[in-house]
Amino acid sequence: MLKKLIGLGIAATVLGAGAGEAAAAPSAASLPKGFLLYEAKAAGPAKPWEKWKVSNRLSRRLEVNPCERNPGAKDRVAARTITYVAETDHLSEQVVIYRSETAARQAFDDVRAGLKRCATGGTKPYTHTYRWKKTDIGDEALRIGGFFFETRARYVIVRKGKALAMYVEDGLVTKSLKSSHFRTMLKDARTMAGKVCGLPGVCS
């Protein structure tokens, strides 16, 4: 179960990235410090039971990753991932900038293909199912529900120009994927789709 949740970005900090990943990398210079929506919260202060981590690693897996692929850093010029764990609460935010709109579109297509290929899996009772719908944000977007043996998770992925942005949370979601269950995440994705166009060359 933990492996599958991590594959889609939930509880990534349980196995987390190394402490050194929070340091800015030269290849991530096009994502200014503080650019992500949850970056200020990640900087603290945090309660004793809360754990925030920030990674600029280009080769980090996409937070929406149903087939648990390792795409590596090819065609990526910047990336930042924020993960949060507090007891049973999990959240992640990720922005990846690609070298071209074609590369970003291919990355989005790979996620969509992965959802189809890995829509169901596991052995009883540890099975999983993913459902998804198109969402009217950016150039293309999906809202996704993950249904696992003992938990559920929500995902939103949006592409705008050369950038992908992803938001992941655990919590209530039904098979109809009601937009009300994604309200905060959709708002965050819409905000970030606008923000990335302020970065040089992302939406031109």
C-alpha atoms as a PDB file:
ATOM      1  CA  MET A   1       0.000   0.000   0.000  1.00  0.00           C
ATOM      2  CA  LEU A   2       2.732   2.488   0.957  1.00  0.00           C
ATOM      3  CA  LYS A   3       4.558   1.762  -2.306  1.00  0.00           C
ATOM      4  CA  LYS A   4       1.449   2.528  -4.341  1.00  0.00           C
ATOM      5  CA  LEU A   5       0.695   5.722  -2.424  1.00  0.00           C
ATOM      6  CA  ILE A   6       4.239   6.934  -2.882  1.00  0.00           C
ATOM      7  CA  GLY A   7       3.922   6.152  -6.585  1.00  0.00           C
ATOM      8  CA  LEU A   8       1.262   8.864  -6.824  1.00  0.00           C
ATOM      9  CA  GLY A   9       2.962  11.285  -4.487  1.00  0.00           C
ATOM     10  CA  ILE A  10       1.217  10.534  -1.174  1.00  0.00           C
ATOM     11  CA  ALA A  11       3.479  10.158   1.854  1.00  0.00           C
ATOM     12  CA  ALA A  12       6.597  10.771  -0.218  1.00  0.00           C
ATOM     13  CA  THR A  13       8.287  12.205   2.844  1.00  0.00           C
ATOM     14  CA  VAL A  14       8.028   8.920   4.709  1.00  0.00           C
ATOM     15  CA  LEU A  15      10.873   7.707   2.534  1.00  0.00           C
ATOM     16  CA  GLY A  16      11.715  11.363   1.749  1.00  0.00           C
ATOM     17  CA  ALA A  17      14.448  12.963  -0.206  1.00  0.00           C
ATOM     18  CA  GLY A  18      17.786  13.700   1.387  1.00  0.00           C
ATOM     19  CA  ALA A  19      18.137  16.841   3.456  1.00  0.00           C
ATOM     20  CA  GLY A  20      20.471  18.309   0.884  1.00  0.00           C
ATOM     21  CA  GLU A  21      17.763  18.376  -1.767  1.00  0.00           C
ATOM     22  CA  ALA A  22      16.237  21.536  -0.331  1.00  0.00           C
ATOM     23  CA  ALA A  23      19.271  23.501  -1.455  1.00  0.00           C
ATOM     24  CA  ALA A  24      18.752  25.319  -4.723  1.00  0.00           C
ATOM     25  CA  ALA A  25      20.379  23.689  -7.732  1.00  0.00           C
ATOM     26  CA  PRO A  26      21.714  25.687 -10.665  1.00  0.00           C
ATOM     27  CA  SER A  27      19.337  23.886 -13.046  1.00  0.00           C
ATOM     28  CA  ALA A  28      16.363  25.049 -10.940  1.00  0.00           C
ATOM     29  CA  ALA A  29      17.269  28.746 -11.187  1.00  0.00           C
ATOM     30  CA  SER A  30      14.191  29.518 -13.295  1.00  0.00           C
ATOM     31  CA  LEU A  31      11.950  28.676 -10.312  1.00  0.00           C
ATOM     32  CA  PRO A  32      12.536  31.576  -7.919  1.00  0.00           C
ATOM     33  CA  LYS A  33      12.705  30.915  -4.212  1.00  0.00           C
ATOM     34  CA  GLY A  34       9.229  31.062  -2.725  1.00  0.00           C
ATOM     35  CA  PHE A  35       7.520  30.483  -6.076  1.00  0.00           C
ATOM     36  CA  LEU A  36       5.437  27.462  -5.094  1.00  0.00           C
ATOM     37  CA  LEU A  37       2.194  28.083  -3.232  1.00  0.00           C
ATOM     38  CA  TYR A  38       3.135  26.045  -0.155  1.00  0.00           C
ATOM     39  CA  GLU A  39       6.768  27.101   0.007  1.00  0.00           C
ATOM     40  CA  ALA A  40       6.236  29.665   2.772  1.00  0.00           C
ATOM     41  CA  LYS A  41       4.478  27.081   4.942  1.00  0.00           C
ATOM     42  CA  ALA A  42       7.241  24.573   4.241  1.00  0.00           C
ATOM     43  CA  ALA A  43       9.775  27.099   5.522  1.00  0.00           C
ATOM     44  CA  GLY A  44       8.133  26.899   8.949  1.00  0.00           C
ATOM     45  CA  PRO A  45       7.581  27.102  11.751  1.00  0.00           C
ATOM     46  CA  ALA A  46       6.098  23.605  11.926  1.00  0.00           C
ATOM     47  CA  LYS A  47       4.403  21.792  14.767  1.00  0.00           C
ATOM     48  CA  PRO A  48       6.286  18.824  16.256  1.00  0.00           C
ATOM     49  CA  TRP A  49       4.108  16.289  14.414  1.00  0.00           C
ATOM     50  CA  GLU A  50       4.423  18.043  11.042  1.00  0.00           C
ATOM     51  CA  LYS A  51       7.109  17.289   8.490  1.00  0.00           C
ATOM     52  CA  TRP A  52       7.743  19.468   5.429  1.00  0.00           C
ATOM     53  CA  LYS A  53      10.372  18.743   2.781  1.00  0.00           C
ATOM     54  CA  VAL A  54      11.429  20.667  -0.310  1.00  0.00           C
ATOM     55  CA  SER A  55      13.325  19.097  -3.208  1.00  0.00           C
ATOM     56  CA  ASN A  56      14.785  20.680  -6.337  1.00  0.00           C
ATOM     57  CA  ARG A  57      15.915  17.333  -7.765  1.00  0.00           C
ATOM     58  CA  LEU A  58      15.253  17.245 -11.507  1.00  0.00           C
ATOM     59  CA  SER A  59      15.033  13.443 -11.669  1.00  0.00           C
ATOM     60  CA  ARG A  60      12.409  13.105  -8.949  1.00  0.00           C
ATOM     61  CA  ARG A  61       9.341  11.129  -9.974  1.00  0.00           C
ATOM     62  CA  LEU A  62       6.240  13.047 -10.938  1.00  0.00           C
ATOM     63  CA  GLU A  63       3.815  13.220  -8.043  1.00  0.00           C
ATOM     64  CA  VAL A  64       1.110  11.869 -10.353  1.00  0.00           C
ATOM     65  CA  ASN A  65       2.682   8.580 -11.362  1.00  0.00           C
ATOM     66  CA  PRO A  66       0.227   5.642 -11.459  1.00  0.00           C
ATOM     67  CA  CYS A  67       2.679   3.155 -13.000  1.00  0.00           C
ATOM     68  CA  GLU A  68       5.547   4.229 -10.716  1.00  0.00           C
ATOM     69  CA  ARG A  69       7.849   5.159 -13.574  1.00  0.00           C
ATOM     70  CA  ASN A  70      11.208   6.863 -13.201  1.00  0.00           C
ATOM     71  CA  PRO A  71      11.273   9.308 -16.139  1.00  0.00           C
ATOM     72  CA  GLY A  72      14.515  10.911 -15.007  1.00  0.00           C
ATOM     73  CA  ALA A  73      15.631  14.466 -15.693  1.00  0.00           C
ATOM     74  CA  LYS A  74      15.574  14.337 -19.496  1.00  0.00           C
ATOM     75  CA  ASP A  75      14.070  17.482 -21.038  1.00  0.00           C
ATOM     76  CA  ARG A  76      13.553  19.097 -17.612  1.00  0.00           C
ATOM     77  CA  VAL A  77      15.172  22.442 -16.868  1.00  0.00           C
ATOM     78  CA  ALA A  78      13.683  23.120 -13.427  1.00  0.00           C
ATOM     79  CA  ALA A  79      11.682  21.293 -10.796  1.00  0.00           C
ATOM     80  CA  ARG A  80      10.532  21.787  -7.237  1.00  0.00           C
ATOM     81  CA  THR A  81       8.537  19.412  -5.057  1.00  0.00           C
ATOM     82  CA  ILE A  82       7.042  20.131  -1.645  1.00  0.00           C
ATOM     83  CA  THR A  83       5.741  17.302   0.536  1.00  0.00           C
ATOM     84  CA  TYR A  84       3.927  17.450   3.869  1.00  0.00           C
ATOM     85  CA  VAL A  85       3.067  14.706   6.351  1.00  0.00           C
ATOM     86  CA  ALA A  86       1.234  15.130   9.665  1.00  0.00           C
ATOM     87  CA  GLU A  87       0.077  11.844  11.161  1.00  0.00           C
ATOM     88  CA  THR A  88      -2.546  10.704   8.618  1.00  0.00           C
ATOM     89  CA  ASP A  89      -2.579  13.918   6.549  1.00  0.00           C
ATOM     90  CA  HIS A  90      -0.528  14.124   3.370  1.00  0.00           C
ATOM     91  CA  LEU A  91      -0.065  16.841   0.768  1.00  0.00           C
ATOM     92  CA  SER A  92       2.310  17.518  -2.084  1.00  0.00           C
ATOM     93  CA  GLU A  93       2.885  20.260  -4.634  1.00  0.00           C
ATOM     94  CA  GLN A  94       5.173  19.926  -7.634  1.00  0.00           C
ATOM     95  CA  VAL A  95       6.116  22.161 -10.543  1.00  0.00           C
ATOM     96  CA  VAL A  96       8.294  20.920 -13.408  1.00  0.00           C
ATOM     97  CA  ILE A  97       9.510  23.121 -16.272  1.00  0.00           C
ATOM     98  CA  TYR A  98      10.474  21.384 -19.531  1.00  0.00           C
ATOM     99  CA  ARG A  99      12.795  22.501 -22.322  1.00  0.00           C
ATOM    100  CA  SER A 100       9.931  22.763 -24.791  1.00  0.00           C
ATOM    101  CA  GLU A 101       6.164  22.697 -24.934  1.00  0.00           C
ATOM    102  CA  THR A 102       6.438  19.465 -26.902  1.00  0.00           C
ATOM    103  CA  ALA A 103       8.327  17.815 -24.032  1.00  0.00           C
ATOM    104  CA  ALA A 104       5.786  19.075 -21.483  1.00  0.00           C
ATOM    105  CA  ARG A 105       2.925  17.830 -23.626  1.00  0.00           C
ATOM    106  CA  GLN A 106       4.607  14.423 -23.919  1.00  0.00           C
ATOM    107  CA  ALA A 107       5.040  14.244 -20.134  1.00  0.00           C
ATOM    108  CA  PHE A 108       1.343  14.976 -19.665  1.00  0.00           C
ATOM    109  CA  ASP A 109       0.452  12.385 -22.297  1.00  0.00           C
ATOM    110  CA  ASP A 110       2.615   9.838 -20.456  1.00  0.00           C
ATOM    111  CA  VAL A 111       0.645  10.440 -17.255  1.00  0.00           C
ATOM    112  CA  ARG A 112      -2.633  10.029 -19.099  1.00  0.00           C
ATOM    113  CA  ALA A 113      -1.400   6.806 -20.738  1.00  0.00           C
ATOM    114  CA  GLY A 114      -0.191   5.567 -17.347  1.00  0.00           C
ATOM    115  CA  LEU A 115      -3.615   6.099 -15.855  1.00  0.00           C
ATOM    116  CA  LYS A 116      -5.136   3.930 -18.566  1.00  0.00           C
ATOM    117  CA  ARG A 117      -2.450   1.270 -18.329  1.00  0.00           C
ATOM    118  CA  CYS A 118      -2.435   1.086 -14.517  1.00  0.00           C
ATOM    119  CA  ALA A 119      -6.061   1.992 -13.801  1.00  0.00           C
ATOM    120  CA  THR A 120      -6.494  -1.139 -11.724  1.00  0.00           C
ATOM    121  CA  GLY A 121      -4.058  -3.466 -10.037  1.00  0.00           C
ATOM    122  CA  GLY A 122      -2.938  -5.289  -6.943  1.00  0.00           C
ATOM    123  CA  THR A 123      -4.236  -8.498  -5.402  1.00  0.00           C
ATOM    124  CA  LYS A 124      -7.201  -8.717  -3.054  1.00  0.00           C
ATOM    125  CA  PRO A 125      -7.675  -7.129  -0.644  1.00  0.00           C
ATOM    126  CA  TYR A 126      -4.807  -4.788  -1.571  1.00  0.00           C
ATOM    127  CA  THR A 127      -6.228  -3.580  -4.849  1.00  0.00           C
ATOM    128  CA  HIS A 128      -6.257  -0.073  -6.286  1.00  0.00           C
ATOM    129  CA  THR A 129      -8.315   1.811  -8.836  1.00  0.00           C
ATOM    130  CA  TYR A 130      -7.822   5.228 -10.462  1.00  0.00           C
ATOM    131  CA  ARG A 131     -10.529   7.326 -12.092  1.00  0.00           C
ATOM    132  CA  TRP A 132     -10.036  10.656 -13.843  1.00  0.00           C
ATOM    133  CA  LYS A 133     -11.803  13.468 -15.657  1.00  0.00           C
ATOM    134  CA  LYS A 134     -10.725  16.385 -17.800  1.00  0.00           C
ATOM    135  CA  THR A 135     -10.643  19.705 -15.989  1.00  0.00           C
ATOM    136  CA  ASP A 136     -10.829  23.171 -17.514  1.00  0.00           C
ATOM    137  CA  ILE A 137      -7.516  24.625 -16.312  1.00  0.00           C
ATOM    138  CA  GLY A 138      -4.488  25.745 -18.319  1.00  0.00           C
ATOM    139  CA  ASP A 139      -3.837  24.045 -21.657  1.00  0.00           C
ATOM    140  CA  GLU A 140      -4.913  20.638 -20.363  1.00  0.00           C
ATOM    141  CA  ALA A 141      -5.679  19.227 -16.938  1.00  0.00           C
ATOM    142  CA  LEU A 142      -7.055  16.199 -15.109  1.00  0.00           C
ATOM    143  CA  ARG A 143      -8.551  15.587 -11.711  1.00  0.00           C
ATOM    144  CA  ILE A 144      -7.932  12.062 -10.472  1.00  0.00           C
ATOM    145  CA  GLY A 145      -9.248   9.871  -7.693  1.00  0.00           C
ATOM    146  CA  GLY A 146      -7.185   7.046  -6.239  1.00  0.00           C
ATOM    147  CA  PHE A 147      -9.056   4.281  -4.412  1.00  0.00           C
ATOM    148  CA  PHE A 148      -6.953   2.001  -2.234  1.00  0.00           C
ATOM    149  CA  PHE A 149      -7.587  -0.748   0.308  1.00  0.00           C
ATOM    150  CA  GLU A 150      -7.789   1.540   3.347  1.00  0.00           C
ATOM    151  CA  THR A 151      -7.589   5.052   1.965  1.00  0.00           C
ATOM    152  CA  ARG A 152      -8.386   7.388  -0.905  1.00  0.00           C
ATOM    153  CA  ALA A 153      -6.443  10.190  -2.523  1.00  0.00           C
ATOM    154  CA  ARG A 154      -7.057  13.135  -4.842  1.00  0.00           C
ATOM    155  CA  TYR A 155      -4.782  14.484  -7.563  1.00  0.00           C
ATOM    156  CA  VAL A 156      -4.841  17.426  -9.944  1.00  0.00           C
ATOM    157  CA  ILE A 157      -2.349  17.795 -12.780  1.00  0.00           C
ATOM    158  CA  VAL A 158      -2.271  20.753 -15.156  1.00  0.00           C
ATOM    159  CA  ARG A 159      -0.066  21.690 -18.098  1.00  0.00           C
ATOM    160  CA  LYS A 160       0.443  25.306 -19.067  1.00  0.00           C
ATOM    161  CA  GLY A 161       2.940  25.901 -21.836  1.00  0.00           C
ATOM    162  CA  LYS A 162       6.224  24.209 -20.890  1.00  0.00           C
ATOM    163  CA  ALA A 163       5.201  23.589 -17.258  1.00  0.00           C
ATOM    164  CA  LEU A 164       3.415  20.841 -15.365  1.00  0.00           C
ATOM    165  CA  ALA A 165       1.952  21.506 -11.906  1.00  0.00           C
ATOM    166  CA  MET A 166       0.594  18.815  -9.602  1.00  0.00           C
ATOM    167  CA  TYR A 167      -1.338  18.870  -6.333  1.00  0.00           C
ATOM    168  CA  VAL A 168      -1.947  15.773  -4.244  1.00  0.00           C
ATOM    169  CA  GLU A 169      -3.952  15.228  -1.044  1.00  0.00           C
ATOM    170  CA  ASP A 170      -5.454  12.303   0.797  1.00  0.00           C
ATOM    171  CA  GLY A 171      -9.103  12.401   1.794  1.00  0.00           C
ATOM    172  CA  LEU A 172     -12.649  12.071   0.597  1.00  0.00           C
ATOM    173  CA  VAL A 173     -13.281  11.392  -3.069  1.00  0.00           C
ATOM    174  CA  THR A 174     -16.075   9.441  -4.754  1.00  0.00           C
ATOM    175  CA  LYS A 175     -16.093   7.608  -8.072  1.00  0.00           C
ATOM    176  CA  SER A 176     -18.011  10.489  -9.646  1.00  0.00           C
ATOM    177  CA  LEU A 177     -15.009  12.762  -8.875  1.00  0.00           C
ATOM    178  CA  LYS A 178     -17.171  15.636  -7.637  1.00  0.00           C
ATOM    179  CA  SER A 179     -15.451  18.954  -8.204  1.00  0.00           C
ATOM    180  CA  SER A 180     -16.376  19.964  -4.640  1.00  0.00           C
ATOM    181  CA  HIS A 181     -13.988  17.295  -3.324  1.00  0.00           C
ATOM    182  CA  PHE A 182     -11.179  18.957  -5.296  1.00  0.00           C
ATOM    183  CA  ARG A 183     -12.075  22.591  -4.584  1.00  0.00           C
ATOM    184  CA  THR A 184      -8.834  23.695  -2.892  1.00  0.00           C
ATOM    185  CA  MET A 185      -6.644  21.716  -5.263  1.00  0.00           C
ATOM    186  CA  LEU A 186      -8.377  23.075  -8.352  1.00  0.00           C
ATOM    187  CA  LYS A 187      -7.962  26.592  -7.007  1.00  0.00           C
ATOM    188  CA  ASP A 188      -4.249  25.965  -6.390  1.00  0.00           C
ATOM    189  CA  ALA A 189      -3.776  24.478  -9.861  1.00  0.00           C
ATOM    190  CA  ARG A 190      -5.531  27.406 -11.487  1.00  0.00           C
ATOM    191  CA  THR A 191      -3.391  29.870  -9.531  1.00  0.00           C
ATOM    192  CA  MET A 192      -0.169  28.081 -10.478  1.00  0.00           C
ATOM    193  CA  ALA A 193      -1.191  27.842 -14.150  1.00  0.00           C
ATOM    194  CA  GLY A 194      -1.313  31.627 -14.111  1.00  0.00           C
ATOM    195  CA  LYS A 195       1.919  32.044 -12.144  1.00  0.00           C
ATOM    196  CA  VAL A 196       4.096  29.921 -14.430  1.00  0.00           C
ATOM    197  CA  CYS A 197       3.270  32.211 -17.351  1.00  0.00           C
ATOM    198  CA  GLY A 198       5.144  34.917 -15.467  1.00  0.00           C
ATOM    199  CA  LEU A 199       8.351  32.905 -15.861  1.00  0.00           C
ATOM    200  CA  PRO A 200      10.433  33.747 -18.950  1.00  0.00           C
ATOM    201  CA  GLY A 201       9.612  31.584 -21.965  1.00  0.00           C
ATOM    202  CA  VAL A 202       7.194  29.172 -20.246  1.00  0.00           C
ATOM    203  CA  CYS A 203       4.040  30.256 -22.047  1.00  0.00           C
ATOM    204  CA  SER A 204       5.448  32.110 -25.065  1.00  0.00           C
END
